[in-house]
Structure formats: C-alpha cells, structure tokens
Amino acid sequence: MGITQPSYKVQWLADIEIPLANKFYRMHGFRGKAKRHEDCAVVRSERGEVVGCGYLRRYKTFKLLAGVAVAPEHRGQGVARLLLTLLGERFGGDTYTFPYVHLESFYLSLGFERVDVEALATPVAELYQSYLDQGRSILAMVYR
C-alpha cells in the first residue's frame, strides 16, 4: 500500500476573508497579522482547513513578503512552495523578505537573493533592524 500525498488548494483571500488568516496565525502561535487590502494567500487542505498563509505588505517604495507560515503537521509536503508560487505572481524587484537564516536555500530556490544590509534603502533597513531588535535570526533578501 502506497503513501497518499494530500491535495492542497492555494487561493487569494478577499478583504472580508482576512480574519481567516489571522485565526490561522493565532491557532498555531505565529507572529503574522494580515491586514485588509494586502495581497494575502492561503493554502487549504483537502478538508478545507487553512494549513499555510502569507501576505505582501505594501510600503511606499517597496513590498515585504511576510507572515509565511505552514502548520507544523503539513510541513515538508510542498505547502510553502505552493503558497509562494501564488504570492510570486505579485512579486517585483521591489519585493523584500526577511526569512529565518535556516530558510535561505529555500528562498534562493524561489528567486530571492541575499542583500548586503548596508546596501538596503533606509526604509527597508529600518524595518529590517526592527525585526532584528526583536531577537530574530534573519537575513535580508530581495526578489530578482
């Protein structure tokens, strides 16, 4: 008997559905918090439950890919890649992300590249520093 791979569905959330993303973050203890009018996507299991989430936060001069999270029991099954493929439809050269250090190779495989912190524009650098000040072990990356 073979192992059955779960099937997933990835979709954009309408503004009225954003609370579903935030419920997912709270349920799983993630720091993310999506806001209305942001590009927010989720991955649903075959039972319809949200098992992954992420969003693009827009600033005046750049976008930040943030809140990328997958429920622990669904990790290692391609959920994050599915999610980021959809979100990637809205990436541009002005899209940054601050992933945890151990995820660098994953983000490299998606078209991001590491950025020298000293080369970041001031608004991006200030935001990056605020994340560092929270004690996160992260790096700065930009989509190419």
N, C-alpha and C. Protein backbone atom coordinates (compact mmCIF):
# COMPACT_ATOMS: atom_id res chain seq x y z
N MET A 1 0.85 -1.18 0.00
CA MET A 1 0.00 0.00 0.00
C MET A 1 0.89 1.24 0.00
N GLY A 2 0.66 2.17 -0.92
CA GLY A 2 1.48 3.37 -1.05
C GLY A 2 1.03 4.49 -0.13
N ILE A 3 1.87 5.50 -0.03
CA ILE A 3 1.55 6.67 0.79
C ILE A 3 0.78 7.65 -0.09
N THR A 4 -0.33 8.13 0.42
CA THR A 4 -1.14 9.09 -0.32
C THR A 4 -0.69 10.50 0.02
N GLN A 5 -0.39 11.28 -1.00
CA GLN A 5 0.01 12.68 -0.82
C GLN A 5 -1.26 13.52 -0.68
N PRO A 6 -1.35 14.34 0.37
CA PRO A 6 -2.53 15.19 0.50
C PRO A 6 -2.63 16.16 -0.67
N SER A 7 -3.85 16.50 -1.03
CA SER A 7 -4.02 17.51 -2.07
C SER A 7 -4.34 18.84 -1.41
N TYR A 8 -3.78 19.89 -1.97
CA TYR A 8 -3.93 21.22 -1.41
C TYR A 8 -4.48 22.17 -2.46
N LYS A 9 -5.13 23.21 -1.98
CA LYS A 9 -5.65 24.25 -2.85
C LYS A 9 -5.12 25.58 -2.33
N VAL A 10 -4.51 26.36 -3.23
CA VAL A 10 -3.97 27.66 -2.84
C VAL A 10 -4.86 28.74 -3.45
N GLN A 11 -5.14 29.79 -2.68
CA GLN A 11 -6.05 30.83 -3.16
C GLN A 11 -5.77 32.17 -2.50
N TRP A 12 -6.14 33.23 -3.20
CA TRP A 12 -6.10 34.58 -2.64
C TRP A 12 -7.29 34.75 -1.72
N LEU A 13 -7.13 35.54 -0.67
CA LEU A 13 -8.24 35.88 0.20
C LEU A 13 -8.79 37.25 -0.19
N ALA A 14 -10.10 37.35 -0.17
CA ALA A 14 -10.75 38.65 -0.32
C ALA A 14 -10.59 39.39 1.01
N ASP A 15 -10.72 40.72 0.97
CA ASP A 15 -10.56 41.51 2.20
C ASP A 15 -11.42 40.99 3.34
N ILE A 16 -12.64 40.59 3.04
CA ILE A 16 -13.56 40.13 4.08
C ILE A 16 -13.10 38.80 4.71
N GLU A 17 -12.21 38.08 4.00
CA GLU A 17 -11.72 36.79 4.50
C GLU A 17 -10.42 36.89 5.30
N ILE A 18 -9.83 38.06 5.38
CA ILE A 18 -8.54 38.23 6.08
C ILE A 18 -8.57 37.69 7.52
N PRO A 19 -9.68 37.81 8.26
CA PRO A 19 -9.69 37.21 9.60
C PRO A 19 -9.38 35.72 9.62
N LEU A 20 -9.62 35.00 8.53
CA LEU A 20 -9.26 33.57 8.47
C LEU A 20 -7.75 33.39 8.59
N ALA A 21 -7.01 34.27 7.92
CA ALA A 21 -5.54 34.20 8.00
C ALA A 21 -5.08 34.46 9.43
N ASN A 22 -5.63 35.48 10.05
CA ASN A 22 -5.21 35.83 11.40
C ASN A 22 -5.61 34.77 12.42
N LYS A 23 -6.73 34.10 12.19
CA LYS A 23 -7.12 32.98 13.05
C LYS A 23 -6.09 31.85 12.93
N PHE A 24 -5.65 31.59 11.69
CA PHE A 24 -4.62 30.58 11.47
C PHE A 24 -3.35 30.92 12.25
N TYR A 25 -2.90 32.18 12.14
CA TYR A 25 -1.69 32.59 12.86
C TYR A 25 -1.85 32.38 14.37
N ARG A 26 -2.97 32.81 14.92
CA ARG A 26 -3.20 32.66 16.38
C ARG A 26 -3.24 31.19 16.78
N MET A 27 -3.94 30.38 16.01
CA MET A 27 -4.08 28.95 16.34
C MET A 27 -2.74 28.24 16.43
N HIS A 28 -1.79 28.66 15.60
CA HIS A 28 -0.51 27.97 15.52
C HIS A 28 0.64 28.74 16.17
N GLY A 29 0.33 29.86 16.83
CA GLY A 29 1.34 30.61 17.55
C GLY A 29 2.32 31.37 16.68
N PHE A 30 1.91 31.74 15.46
CA PHE A 30 2.78 32.52 14.58
C PHE A 30 2.58 34.01 14.84
N ARG A 31 3.61 34.80 14.52
CA ARG A 31 3.57 36.25 14.77
C ARG A 31 2.82 37.03 13.70
N GLY A 32 2.54 36.45 12.56
CA GLY A 32 1.94 37.16 11.44
C GLY A 32 0.59 37.79 11.77
N LYS A 33 0.29 38.88 11.07
CA LYS A 33 -1.02 39.52 11.18
C LYS A 33 -1.30 40.23 9.86
N ALA A 34 -2.18 39.64 9.07
CA ALA A 34 -2.54 40.22 7.78
C ALA A 34 -3.54 41.35 8.00
N LYS A 35 -3.49 42.32 7.10
CA LYS A 35 -4.40 43.46 7.16
C LYS A 35 -5.24 43.49 5.88
N ARG A 36 -6.40 44.10 5.99
CA ARG A 36 -7.24 44.26 4.80
C ARG A 36 -6.47 45.05 3.76
N HIS A 37 -6.76 44.82 2.52
CA HIS A 37 -6.14 45.48 1.36
C HIS A 37 -4.70 45.03 1.11
N GLU A 38 -4.28 43.93 1.75
CA GLU A 38 -2.98 43.35 1.44
C GLU A 38 -3.22 42.12 0.58
N ASP A 39 -2.23 41.79 -0.24
CA ASP A 39 -2.30 40.55 -1.01
C ASP A 39 -2.02 39.41 -0.05
N CYS A 40 -3.05 38.67 0.29
CA CYS A 40 -2.92 37.58 1.27
C CYS A 40 -3.40 36.29 0.62
N ALA A 41 -2.61 35.24 0.77
CA ALA A 41 -2.95 33.95 0.19
C ALA A 41 -2.90 32.87 1.26
N VAL A 42 -3.71 31.83 1.06
CA VAL A 42 -3.72 30.69 1.96
C VAL A 42 -3.65 29.40 1.16
N VAL A 43 -3.21 28.37 1.84
CA VAL A 43 -3.28 27.02 1.30
C VAL A 43 -4.25 26.26 2.19
N ARG A 44 -5.19 25.58 1.54
CA ARG A 44 -6.19 24.78 2.27
C ARG A 44 -5.94 23.29 2.02
N SER A 45 -6.23 22.52 3.05
CA SER A 45 -6.12 21.06 2.93
C SER A 45 -7.34 20.55 2.16
N GLU A 46 -7.33 19.28 1.87
CA GLU A 46 -8.47 18.70 1.16
C GLU A 46 -9.76 18.80 1.99
N ARG A 47 -9.63 18.99 3.30
CA ARG A 47 -10.82 19.19 4.16
C ARG A 47 -11.23 20.65 4.24
N GLY A 48 -10.46 21.54 3.59
CA GLY A 48 -10.81 22.95 3.56
C GLY A 48 -10.20 23.79 4.67
N GLU A 49 -9.42 23.18 5.54
CA GLU A 49 -8.81 23.95 6.62
C GLU A 49 -7.57 24.69 6.12
N VAL A 50 -7.32 25.88 6.65
CA VAL A 50 -6.14 26.65 6.28
C VAL A 50 -4.92 25.99 6.93
N VAL A 51 -3.93 25.64 6.09
CA VAL A 51 -2.72 24.98 6.58
C VAL A 51 -1.46 25.78 6.27
N GLY A 52 -1.62 26.88 5.53
CA GLY A 52 -0.49 27.75 5.22
C GLY A 52 -1.00 29.13 4.86
N CYS A 53 -0.16 30.13 5.12
CA CYS A 53 -0.59 31.51 4.90
C CYS A 53 0.61 32.41 4.67
N GLY A 54 0.40 33.49 3.94
CA GLY A 54 1.43 34.50 3.73
C GLY A 54 0.81 35.73 3.09
N TYR A 55 1.50 36.86 3.18
CA TYR A 55 0.96 38.09 2.61
C TYR A 55 2.07 39.02 2.16
N LEU A 56 1.69 39.97 1.32
CA LEU A 56 2.59 41.02 0.86
C LEU A 56 2.12 42.33 1.47
N ARG A 57 2.97 42.91 2.29
CA ARG A 57 2.67 44.21 2.90
C ARG A 57 3.30 45.29 2.02
N ARG A 58 2.50 46.26 1.64
CA ARG A 58 2.97 47.33 0.76
C ARG A 58 3.38 48.56 1.57
N TYR A 59 4.58 49.03 1.29
CA TYR A 59 5.09 50.27 1.85
C TYR A 59 5.20 51.26 0.69
N LYS A 60 5.59 52.48 0.96
CA LYS A 60 5.63 53.49 -0.10
C LYS A 60 6.54 53.10 -1.25
N THR A 61 7.72 52.56 -0.95
CA THR A 61 8.70 52.30 -2.00
C THR A 61 9.05 50.82 -2.19
N PHE A 62 8.43 49.93 -1.42
CA PHE A 62 8.74 48.51 -1.54
C PHE A 62 7.60 47.66 -0.98
N LYS A 63 7.70 46.35 -1.25
CA LYS A 63 6.77 45.37 -0.69
C LYS A 63 7.56 44.41 0.18
N LEU A 64 6.92 43.93 1.23
CA LEU A 64 7.56 42.96 2.11
C LEU A 64 6.74 41.69 2.13
N LEU A 65 7.36 40.58 1.73
CA LEU A 65 6.75 39.27 1.87
C LEU A 65 6.87 38.90 3.34
N ALA A 66 5.75 38.67 3.99
CA ALA A 66 5.77 38.42 5.43
C ALA A 66 4.70 37.40 5.81
N GLY A 67 4.78 36.96 7.03
CA GLY A 67 3.76 36.06 7.56
C GLY A 67 3.70 34.71 6.90
N VAL A 68 4.77 34.29 6.26
CA VAL A 68 4.77 32.99 5.60
C VAL A 68 4.87 31.92 6.69
N ALA A 69 3.84 31.10 6.77
CA ALA A 69 3.80 30.09 7.82
C ALA A 69 3.02 28.86 7.34
N VAL A 70 3.45 27.70 7.80
CA VAL A 70 2.79 26.44 7.47
C VAL A 70 2.54 25.71 8.78
N ALA A 71 1.35 25.16 8.92
CA ALA A 71 1.01 24.37 10.11
C ALA A 71 2.03 23.24 10.25
N PRO A 72 2.53 23.01 11.46
CA PRO A 72 3.59 22.01 11.66
C PRO A 72 3.30 20.63 11.04
N GLU A 73 2.07 20.18 11.13
CA GLU A 73 1.74 18.84 10.61
C GLU A 73 1.70 18.78 9.08
N HIS A 74 1.83 19.92 8.41
CA HIS A 74 1.81 19.95 6.94
C HIS A 74 3.16 20.38 6.35
N ARG A 75 4.17 20.53 7.17
CA ARG A 75 5.49 20.93 6.68
C ARG A 75 6.13 19.77 5.93
N GLY A 76 7.00 20.12 4.98
CA GLY A 76 7.70 19.10 4.22
C GLY A 76 6.86 18.46 3.13
N GLN A 77 5.70 19.05 2.83
CA GLN A 77 4.80 18.49 1.82
C GLN A 77 4.56 19.45 0.66
N GLY A 78 5.40 20.48 0.55
CA GLY A 78 5.28 21.41 -0.58
C GLY A 78 4.30 22.54 -0.38
N VAL A 79 3.77 22.69 0.83
CA VAL A 79 2.77 23.74 1.10
C VAL A 79 3.37 25.13 0.93
N ALA A 80 4.54 25.37 1.49
CA ALA A 80 5.16 26.69 1.40
C ALA A 80 5.49 27.04 -0.06
N ARG A 81 5.96 26.08 -0.80
CA ARG A 81 6.29 26.34 -2.21
C ARG A 81 5.03 26.67 -3.00
N LEU A 82 3.95 25.96 -2.75
CA LEU A 82 2.65 26.26 -3.39
C LEU A 82 2.23 27.69 -3.06
N LEU A 83 2.29 28.02 -1.80
CA LEU A 83 1.89 29.35 -1.32
C LEU A 83 2.73 30.44 -1.98
N LEU A 84 4.03 30.26 -1.98
CA LEU A 84 4.92 31.29 -2.52
C LEU A 84 4.88 31.36 -4.04
N THR A 85 4.47 30.30 -4.69
CA THR A 85 4.29 30.35 -6.14
C THR A 85 3.14 31.30 -6.47
N LEU A 86 2.04 31.20 -5.73
CA LEU A 86 0.92 32.12 -5.97
C LEU A 86 1.30 33.55 -5.58
N LEU A 87 1.87 33.73 -4.41
CA LEU A 87 2.27 35.08 -3.99
C LEU A 87 3.28 35.67 -4.98
N GLY A 88 4.12 34.82 -5.56
CA GLY A 88 5.13 35.26 -6.51
C GLY A 88 4.57 35.94 -7.74
N GLU A 89 3.30 35.70 -8.03
CA GLU A 89 2.65 36.39 -9.15
C GLU A 89 2.66 37.91 -8.96
N ARG A 90 2.82 38.34 -7.72
CA ARG A 90 2.78 39.77 -7.41
C ARG A 90 4.11 40.31 -6.92
N PHE A 91 5.17 39.50 -7.02
CA PHE A 91 6.50 39.97 -6.65
C PHE A 91 7.03 40.87 -7.75
N GLY A 92 7.97 41.72 -7.39
CA GLY A 92 8.72 42.53 -8.35
C GLY A 92 10.09 42.77 -7.76
N GLY A 93 10.90 43.55 -8.44
CA GLY A 93 12.24 43.85 -7.96
C GLY A 93 12.25 44.68 -6.69
N ASP A 94 11.07 45.13 -6.28
CA ASP A 94 10.94 45.91 -5.04
C ASP A 94 10.36 45.06 -3.91
N THR A 95 10.42 43.72 -4.05
CA THR A 95 9.87 42.82 -3.04
C THR A 95 11.01 42.25 -2.19
N TYR A 96 10.92 42.49 -0.90
CA TYR A 96 11.92 42.00 0.06
C TYR A 96 11.27 40.98 0.99
N THR A 97 12.10 40.20 1.63
CA THR A 97 11.64 39.32 2.69
C THR A 97 12.78 39.16 3.69
N PHE A 98 12.44 38.85 4.90
CA PHE A 98 13.42 38.68 5.98
C PHE A 98 13.26 37.28 6.59
N PRO A 99 13.63 36.24 5.85
CA PRO A 99 13.43 34.88 6.36
C PRO A 99 14.43 34.52 7.46
N TYR A 100 14.05 33.52 8.22
CA TYR A 100 14.98 32.97 9.20
C TYR A 100 16.18 32.40 8.45
N VAL A 101 17.34 32.47 9.06
CA VAL A 101 18.60 32.06 8.43
C VAL A 101 18.52 30.65 7.86
N HIS A 102 17.90 29.73 8.57
CA HIS A 102 17.87 28.34 8.11
C HIS A 102 17.03 28.14 6.85
N LEU A 103 16.28 29.16 6.42
CA LEU A 103 15.44 29.04 5.22
C LEU A 103 16.07 29.69 3.98
N GLU A 104 17.33 30.11 4.09
CA GLU A 104 17.97 30.82 2.98
C GLU A 104 17.92 30.02 1.68
N SER A 105 18.29 28.76 1.68
CA SER A 105 18.33 27.99 0.43
C SER A 105 16.94 27.85 -0.19
N PHE A 106 15.93 27.74 0.64
CA PHE A 106 14.56 27.65 0.13
C PHE A 106 14.20 28.94 -0.62
N TYR A 107 14.47 30.09 -0.02
CA TYR A 107 14.14 31.37 -0.67
C TYR A 107 15.02 31.61 -1.90
N LEU A 108 16.26 31.16 -1.89
CA LEU A 108 17.11 31.25 -3.07
C LEU A 108 16.47 30.48 -4.23
N SER A 109 15.90 29.32 -3.93
CA SER A 109 15.28 28.49 -4.97
C SER A 109 14.03 29.14 -5.56
N LEU A 110 13.49 30.15 -4.89
CA LEU A 110 12.29 30.84 -5.36
C LEU A 110 12.60 32.13 -6.11
N GLY A 111 13.89 32.45 -6.25
CA GLY A 111 14.26 33.65 -6.98
C GLY A 111 14.67 34.83 -6.13
N PHE A 112 14.77 34.64 -4.83
CA PHE A 112 15.27 35.69 -3.95
C PHE A 112 16.78 35.58 -3.88
N GLU A 113 17.42 36.69 -3.60
CA GLU A 113 18.85 36.65 -3.34
C GLU A 113 19.16 37.50 -2.12
N ARG A 114 20.23 37.12 -1.48
CA ARG A 114 20.65 37.80 -0.25
C ARG A 114 21.10 39.22 -0.57
N VAL A 115 20.80 40.15 0.33
CA VAL A 115 21.17 41.55 0.14
C VAL A 115 22.09 41.96 1.29
N ASP A 116 23.14 42.69 0.95
CA ASP A 116 24.02 43.25 1.96
C ASP A 116 23.21 44.32 2.71
N VAL A 117 23.12 44.21 4.00
CA VAL A 117 22.30 45.11 4.80
C VAL A 117 22.70 46.57 4.59
N GLU A 118 23.98 46.83 4.41
CA GLU A 118 24.43 48.20 4.19
C GLU A 118 23.93 48.77 2.87
N ALA A 119 23.53 47.90 1.94
CA ALA A 119 23.05 48.35 0.63
C ALA A 119 21.53 48.60 0.62
N LEU A 120 20.86 48.28 1.70
CA LEU A 120 19.40 48.47 1.75
C LEU A 120 19.04 49.95 1.81
N ALA A 121 17.98 50.31 1.10
CA ALA A 121 17.46 51.67 1.21
C ALA A 121 17.01 51.89 2.66
N THR A 122 17.04 53.11 3.11
CA THR A 122 16.76 53.43 4.51
C THR A 122 15.45 52.83 5.04
N PRO A 123 14.32 52.97 4.33
CA PRO A 123 13.08 52.42 4.89
C PRO A 123 13.13 50.90 5.08
N VAL A 124 13.77 50.20 4.14
CA VAL A 124 13.89 48.74 4.25
C VAL A 124 14.85 48.40 5.39
N ALA A 125 15.96 49.12 5.47
CA ALA A 125 16.96 48.88 6.51
C ALA A 125 16.37 49.10 7.90
N GLU A 126 15.56 50.13 8.05
CA GLU A 126 14.94 50.41 9.36
C GLU A 126 13.97 49.30 9.75
N LEU A 127 13.20 48.83 8.79
CA LEU A 127 12.27 47.73 9.07
C LEU A 127 13.03 46.46 9.43
N TYR A 128 14.07 46.17 8.68
CA TYR A 128 14.91 45.00 8.94
C TYR A 128 15.49 45.08 10.36
N GLN A 129 15.99 46.25 10.73
CA GLN A 129 16.57 46.44 12.06
C GLN A 129 15.53 46.22 13.14
N SER A 130 14.29 46.65 12.90
CA SER A 130 13.24 46.45 13.90
C SER A 130 12.97 44.96 14.13
N TYR A 131 13.07 44.16 13.06
CA TYR A 131 12.92 42.71 13.21
C TYR A 131 14.11 42.12 13.97
N LEU A 132 15.31 42.58 13.65
CA LEU A 132 16.50 42.12 14.38
C LEU A 132 16.40 42.45 15.86
N ASP A 133 15.90 43.64 16.16
CA ASP A 133 15.76 44.08 17.56
C ASP A 133 14.81 43.19 18.36
N GLN A 134 13.96 42.43 17.66
CA GLN A 134 13.05 41.50 18.33
C GLN A 134 13.73 40.16 18.62
N GLY A 135 15.02 40.08 18.28
CA GLY A 135 15.79 38.88 18.58
C GLY A 135 15.68 37.79 17.53
N ARG A 136 15.23 38.13 16.34
CA ARG A 136 15.08 37.13 15.29
C ARG A 136 16.41 36.89 14.57
N SER A 137 16.66 35.66 14.21
CA SER A 137 17.87 35.29 13.46
C SER A 137 17.48 35.24 11.98
N ILE A 138 17.55 36.41 11.33
CA ILE A 138 17.04 36.57 9.98
C ILE A 138 18.10 37.15 9.04
N LEU A 139 17.77 37.10 7.75
CA LEU A 139 18.60 37.78 6.76
C LEU A 139 17.70 38.58 5.83
N ALA A 140 18.29 39.52 5.13
CA ALA A 140 17.55 40.35 4.17
C ALA A 140 17.73 39.77 2.78
N MET A 141 16.60 39.62 2.07
CA MET A 141 16.63 39.09 0.71
C MET A 141 15.70 39.93 -0.16
N VAL A 142 16.03 39.99 -1.45
CA VAL A 142 15.21 40.72 -2.42
C VAL A 142 14.91 39.78 -3.59
N TYR A 143 13.75 39.96 -4.19
CA TYR A 143 13.35 39.13 -5.32
C TYR A 143 13.99 39.67 -6.59
N ARG A 144 14.59 38.80 -7.39
CA ARG A 144 15.22 39.19 -8.66
C ARG A 144 14.53 38.52 -9.82
